[in-house]
Amino acid sequence: MADNRVLGVPIEGDGWKAIAERLDQDMKLWIVTANPEILLKAKKDRDYRKAISSADLRTVDGAGLFFVMNVLRRKAVRLTGVDLAEHLLQYAWKHHLRVGLLGGEFGAAAGAASHIRESYPELELLVEEGGVVAVDGTEDERTEASRERMMLFSPHVLFVAFGHPRQERWMHLHRGDFADLRAIVGVGGTFNFWAGRIKRAPAWMRAVGIEWFFRLIQEPKRWRRIWNAVVVFPVAALIDRIHPVR
């Protein structure tokens, strides 16, 4: 898979149709929604790189990564974390699967659950906010208790929102704890979108890959992260073609 690596991480770039086909075959999937921030972190942190490389599938989330994949002439479908999460909710509702929400900013998961219950009536849903997850993925007592309650609920689909790199390290450690799990994915700020705390960019902005600008207007404090995603990452990824990350 060396030819589809970006900053040392394999990128499959599958779209929802391919993912749904794998779920229909009862495959258990840990999906990483790869974006420039995650890959830049992986470039610097070998252990983190190994963790996300051990996932079952890495989708193309950020516009910066989609741009790089196209420049390098690598076939990929852009599937944002929010869109993937919506597809998984629809799949779970259609197939009568249990869904868990774990993590998120204070109150975000509960707000997201209200949106989900309105959109997908009768969906079995458990919300656990948890506590603190360290950078290495280890839990405090509150998060451990949330995980144990989630294990008793035994979700088929689990959305984890501890922010990277915490959520990926946590999933690397604990995805095996859930007996009935079909799909587990780190969703970053998706709970905030579902809860109505942050508005999504208009469809035309998402289509041309400039939703980062809409996000910057809403959250100016994110300017450094957006700079890294839009400018630093493409340069690093192209340099990686000459001097690959090992």
Protein backbone atom coordinates (compact mmCIF):
# COMPACT_ATOMS: atom_id res chain seq x y z
CA MET A 1 0.00 0.00 0.00
CA ALA A 2 3.07 2.22 -0.23
CA ASP A 3 1.74 4.09 -3.25
CA ASN A 4 -1.30 5.47 -1.42
CA ARG A 5 0.44 6.70 1.72
CA VAL A 6 0.34 10.35 2.70
CA LEU A 7 2.83 11.39 5.38
CA GLY A 8 3.34 7.72 6.20
CA VAL A 9 -0.37 6.85 6.60
CA PRO A 10 -2.28 4.68 4.10
CA ILE A 11 -5.33 6.44 2.66
CA GLU A 12 -8.00 4.31 1.01
CA GLY A 13 -10.39 7.19 0.33
CA ASP A 14 -13.53 5.04 0.01
CA GLY A 15 -16.94 6.62 -0.40
CA TRP A 16 -20.09 5.72 1.50
CA LYS A 17 -21.26 3.11 -1.02
CA ALA A 18 -18.10 1.03 -0.57
CA ILE A 19 -18.32 1.36 3.22
CA ALA A 20 -21.99 0.30 3.26
CA GLU A 21 -21.12 -2.77 1.19
CA ARG A 22 -18.55 -3.78 3.80
CA LEU A 23 -21.07 -3.27 6.60
CA ASP A 24 -23.57 -5.40 4.70
CA GLN A 25 -20.96 -8.17 4.79
CA ASP A 26 -20.90 -7.90 8.60
CA MET A 27 -17.38 -6.48 8.61
CA LYS A 28 -16.33 -4.66 11.77
CA LEU A 29 -14.87 -1.31 10.82
CA TRP A 30 -12.77 1.19 12.69
CA ILE A 31 -12.91 4.20 10.38
CA VAL A 32 -10.49 7.13 10.67
CA THR A 33 -11.73 10.31 9.01
CA ALA A 34 -8.31 11.45 7.82
CA ASN A 35 -7.74 15.16 7.53
CA PRO A 36 -4.65 17.41 7.36
CA GLU A 37 -4.50 17.95 11.13
CA ILE A 38 -4.51 14.24 11.86
CA LEU A 39 -1.88 13.50 9.22
CA LEU A 40 0.42 16.32 10.33
CA LYS A 41 0.22 14.97 13.88
CA ALA A 42 0.94 11.46 12.57
CA LYS A 43 3.99 12.74 10.70
CA LYS A 44 5.56 13.91 13.97
CA ASP A 45 4.36 11.07 16.22
CA ARG A 46 5.34 7.55 15.14
CA ASP A 47 3.13 5.82 17.74
CA TYR A 48 0.10 7.83 16.66
CA ARG A 49 0.91 7.03 13.05
CA LYS A 50 0.98 3.32 13.87
CA ALA A 51 -2.32 3.60 15.73
CA ILE A 52 -4.29 5.20 12.90
CA SER A 53 -2.57 2.98 10.34
CA SER A 54 -3.98 -0.03 12.20
CA ALA A 55 -7.57 1.11 11.59
CA ASP A 56 -9.63 -0.78 9.03
CA LEU A 57 -10.24 2.20 6.77
CA ARG A 58 -9.18 5.81 6.36
CA THR A 59 -11.52 8.16 4.50
CA VAL A 60 -10.64 11.50 2.91
CA ASP A 61 -12.18 14.15 5.14
CA GLY A 62 -10.43 17.50 4.71
CA ALA A 63 -10.38 19.50 1.47
CA GLY A 64 -6.60 19.79 1.76
CA LEU A 65 -6.18 16.02 1.69
CA PHE A 66 -8.61 15.68 -1.23
CA PHE A 67 -6.57 18.29 -3.14
CA VAL A 68 -3.35 16.39 -2.47
CA MET A 69 -4.88 13.07 -3.53
CA ASN A 70 -5.93 14.65 -6.82
CA VAL A 71 -2.54 16.26 -7.42
CA LEU A 72 -0.89 12.90 -6.82
CA ARG A 73 -3.46 11.26 -9.14
CA ARG A 74 -4.72 8.91 -6.49
CA LYS A 75 -8.34 7.87 -6.75
CA ALA A 76 -10.36 8.98 -3.73
CA VAL A 77 -13.83 10.13 -2.76
CA ARG A 78 -14.17 13.00 -0.35
CA LEU A 79 -16.39 12.00 2.57
CA THR A 80 -16.48 14.47 5.43
CA GLY A 81 -16.78 13.25 8.99
CA VAL A 82 -20.20 14.86 9.35
CA ASP A 83 -21.50 13.24 6.15
CA LEU A 84 -20.09 9.83 7.14
CA ALA A 85 -21.76 10.13 10.55
CA GLU A 86 -25.10 10.99 8.92
CA HIS A 87 -24.82 7.99 6.60
CA LEU A 88 -24.06 5.74 9.55
CA LEU A 89 -27.07 7.07 11.45
CA GLN A 90 -29.33 6.37 8.48
CA TYR A 91 -27.83 2.88 8.14
CA ALA A 92 -28.33 2.17 11.84
CA TRP A 93 -31.93 3.38 11.75
CA LYS A 94 -32.72 1.33 8.66
CA HIS A 95 -31.14 -1.85 10.07
CA HIS A 96 -32.36 -1.40 13.67
CA LEU A 97 -28.86 -1.04 15.11
CA ARG A 98 -27.95 0.50 18.46
CA VAL A 99 -25.97 3.77 18.39
CA GLY A 100 -23.70 5.26 21.05
CA LEU A 101 -22.43 8.83 21.41
CA LEU A 102 -19.35 9.18 23.59
CA GLY A 103 -17.48 12.37 24.47
CA GLY A 104 -17.90 15.86 23.05
CA GLU A 105 -17.81 19.28 24.65
CA PHE A 106 -20.01 19.87 27.69
CA GLY A 107 -23.63 19.32 26.71
CA ALA A 108 -22.87 18.75 23.01
CA ALA A 109 -23.65 15.02 22.99
CA ALA A 110 -27.02 15.61 24.69
CA GLY A 111 -27.85 18.33 22.16
CA ALA A 112 -26.79 16.04 19.32
CA ALA A 113 -29.01 13.28 20.73
CA SER A 114 -32.05 15.57 20.60
CA HIS A 115 -31.40 16.21 16.91
CA ILE A 116 -30.90 12.51 16.22
CA ARG A 117 -34.08 11.46 18.00
CA GLU A 118 -36.10 13.96 15.98
CA SER A 119 -34.60 12.77 12.71
CA TYR A 120 -34.49 9.05 13.48
CA PRO A 121 -37.42 8.10 15.73
CA GLU A 122 -37.20 4.77 17.56
CA LEU A 123 -33.44 4.58 17.09
CA GLU A 124 -31.84 2.96 20.15
CA LEU A 125 -29.39 5.55 21.44
CA LEU A 126 -27.14 5.98 24.46
CA VAL A 127 -25.29 9.19 25.26
CA GLU A 128 -22.23 9.24 27.52
CA GLU A 129 -20.26 12.45 27.87
CA GLY A 130 -17.34 10.87 29.72
CA GLY A 131 -14.62 12.88 31.39
CA VAL A 132 -10.98 13.44 30.47
CA VAL A 133 -9.01 11.34 28.03
CA ALA A 134 -5.25 11.91 28.05
CA VAL A 135 -3.18 12.43 24.92
CA ASP A 136 -2.07 8.78 25.09
CA GLY A 137 -5.71 7.61 25.17
CA THR A 138 -5.88 6.67 28.85
CA GLU A 139 -9.05 7.46 30.79
CA ASP A 140 -9.93 9.16 34.02
CA GLU A 141 -12.49 7.53 36.35
CA ARG A 142 -15.42 9.35 34.80
CA THR A 143 -14.54 8.25 31.28
CA GLU A 144 -13.95 4.69 32.46
CA ALA A 145 -17.41 4.63 34.04
CA SER A 146 -18.95 5.99 30.82
CA ARG A 147 -17.18 3.33 28.79
CA GLU A 148 -18.42 0.57 31.09
CA ARG A 149 -22.03 1.76 30.77
CA MET A 150 -21.57 1.93 27.00
CA MET A 151 -20.22 -1.63 27.05
CA LEU A 152 -23.42 -2.80 28.78
CA PHE A 153 -25.48 -1.01 26.11
CA SER A 154 -23.30 -2.72 23.47
CA PRO A 155 -23.70 -0.36 20.50
CA HIS A 156 -23.41 -1.50 16.91
CA VAL A 157 -22.28 1.98 15.86
CA LEU A 158 -20.18 4.13 18.18
CA PHE A 159 -19.30 7.79 17.58
CA VAL A 160 -16.34 8.99 19.66
CA ALA A 161 -15.65 12.70 20.10
CA PHE A 162 -12.60 13.27 22.28
CA GLY A 163 -10.71 15.22 19.63
CA HIS A 164 -7.53 14.01 17.99
CA PRO A 165 -5.16 12.45 18.87
CA ARG A 166 -7.07 11.38 21.99
CA GLN A 167 -10.02 9.78 20.26
CA GLU A 168 -7.89 7.69 17.88
CA ARG A 169 -5.60 6.52 20.68
CA TRP A 170 -8.65 5.68 22.82
CA MET A 171 -10.26 3.69 20.01
CA HIS A 172 -7.00 1.86 19.40
CA LEU A 173 -7.08 0.76 23.06
CA HIS A 174 -10.79 0.09 23.55
CA ARG A 175 -12.58 -0.78 20.31
CA GLY A 176 -12.36 -4.44 21.29
CA ASP A 177 -14.42 -3.78 24.43
CA PHE A 178 -17.73 -3.65 22.52
CA ALA A 179 -18.98 -7.11 21.58
CA ASP A 180 -21.56 -6.13 18.97
CA LEU A 181 -19.66 -3.27 17.35
CA ARG A 182 -20.04 -2.92 13.58
CA ALA A 183 -18.54 0.54 13.11
CA ILE A 184 -16.59 2.93 15.31
CA VAL A 185 -15.47 6.35 14.16
CA GLY A 186 -13.93 9.47 15.67
CA VAL A 187 -16.18 12.39 14.79
CA GLY A 188 -14.37 15.40 16.24
CA GLY A 189 -16.78 18.35 16.30
CA THR A 190 -19.73 16.57 14.66
CA PHE A 191 -21.72 16.64 17.90
CA ASN A 192 -21.50 20.44 17.81
CA PHE A 193 -23.00 20.49 14.30
CA TRP A 194 -25.81 18.14 15.31
CA ALA A 195 -26.48 20.18 18.46
CA GLY A 196 -26.75 23.36 16.40
CA ARG A 197 -23.78 25.02 18.08
CA ILE A 198 -21.94 25.40 14.77
CA LYS A 199 -23.54 25.86 11.36
CA ARG A 200 -22.33 23.89 8.36
CA ALA A 201 -21.11 25.80 5.35
CA PRO A 202 -23.56 26.18 2.45
CA ALA A 203 -23.56 23.25 0.03
CA TRP A 204 -21.80 25.23 -2.71
CA MET A 205 -18.90 26.07 -0.38
CA ARG A 206 -18.57 22.41 0.61
CA ALA A 207 -18.68 21.40 -3.05
CA VAL A 208 -15.71 23.59 -3.98
CA GLY A 209 -13.78 22.77 -0.81
CA ILE A 210 -13.79 26.15 0.94
CA GLU A 211 -15.93 25.31 3.96
CA TRP A 212 -12.80 26.05 6.02
CA PHE A 213 -13.42 29.75 5.24
CA PHE A 214 -16.97 29.54 6.58
CA ARG A 215 -15.64 27.82 9.71
CA LEU A 216 -13.01 30.53 10.13
CA ILE A 217 -15.69 33.22 10.09
CA GLN A 218 -17.58 31.41 12.86
CA GLU A 219 -14.48 30.55 14.89
CA PRO A 220 -11.62 33.00 14.22
CA LYS A 221 -9.54 31.34 16.96
CA ARG A 222 -9.13 28.35 14.62
CA TRP A 223 -6.96 30.35 12.22
CA ARG A 224 -3.77 28.48 13.07
CA ARG A 225 -5.40 25.07 12.54
CA ILE A 226 -6.87 26.23 9.24
CA TRP A 227 -3.49 27.64 8.13
CA ASN A 228 -1.91 24.25 8.83
CA ALA A 229 -4.66 22.45 6.92
CA VAL A 230 -4.78 24.74 3.89
CA VAL A 231 -1.12 25.75 3.50
CA VAL A 232 1.28 23.71 5.64
CA PHE A 233 -0.22 20.30 4.92
CA PRO A 234 -0.22 20.41 1.08
CA VAL A 235 3.41 21.52 1.09
CA ALA A 236 4.39 18.77 3.56
CA ALA A 237 2.50 16.15 1.56
CA LEU A 238 4.21 17.10 -1.69
CA ILE A 239 7.64 17.09 -0.04
CA ASP A 240 6.73 13.64 1.27
CA ARG A 241 6.76 12.40 -2.32
CA ILE A 242 10.49 13.14 -2.44
CA HIS A 243 11.41 12.27 1.15
CA PRO A 244 8.73 9.84 2.44
CA VAL A 245 7.96 9.62 6.13
CA ARG A 246 9.31 6.38 7.55
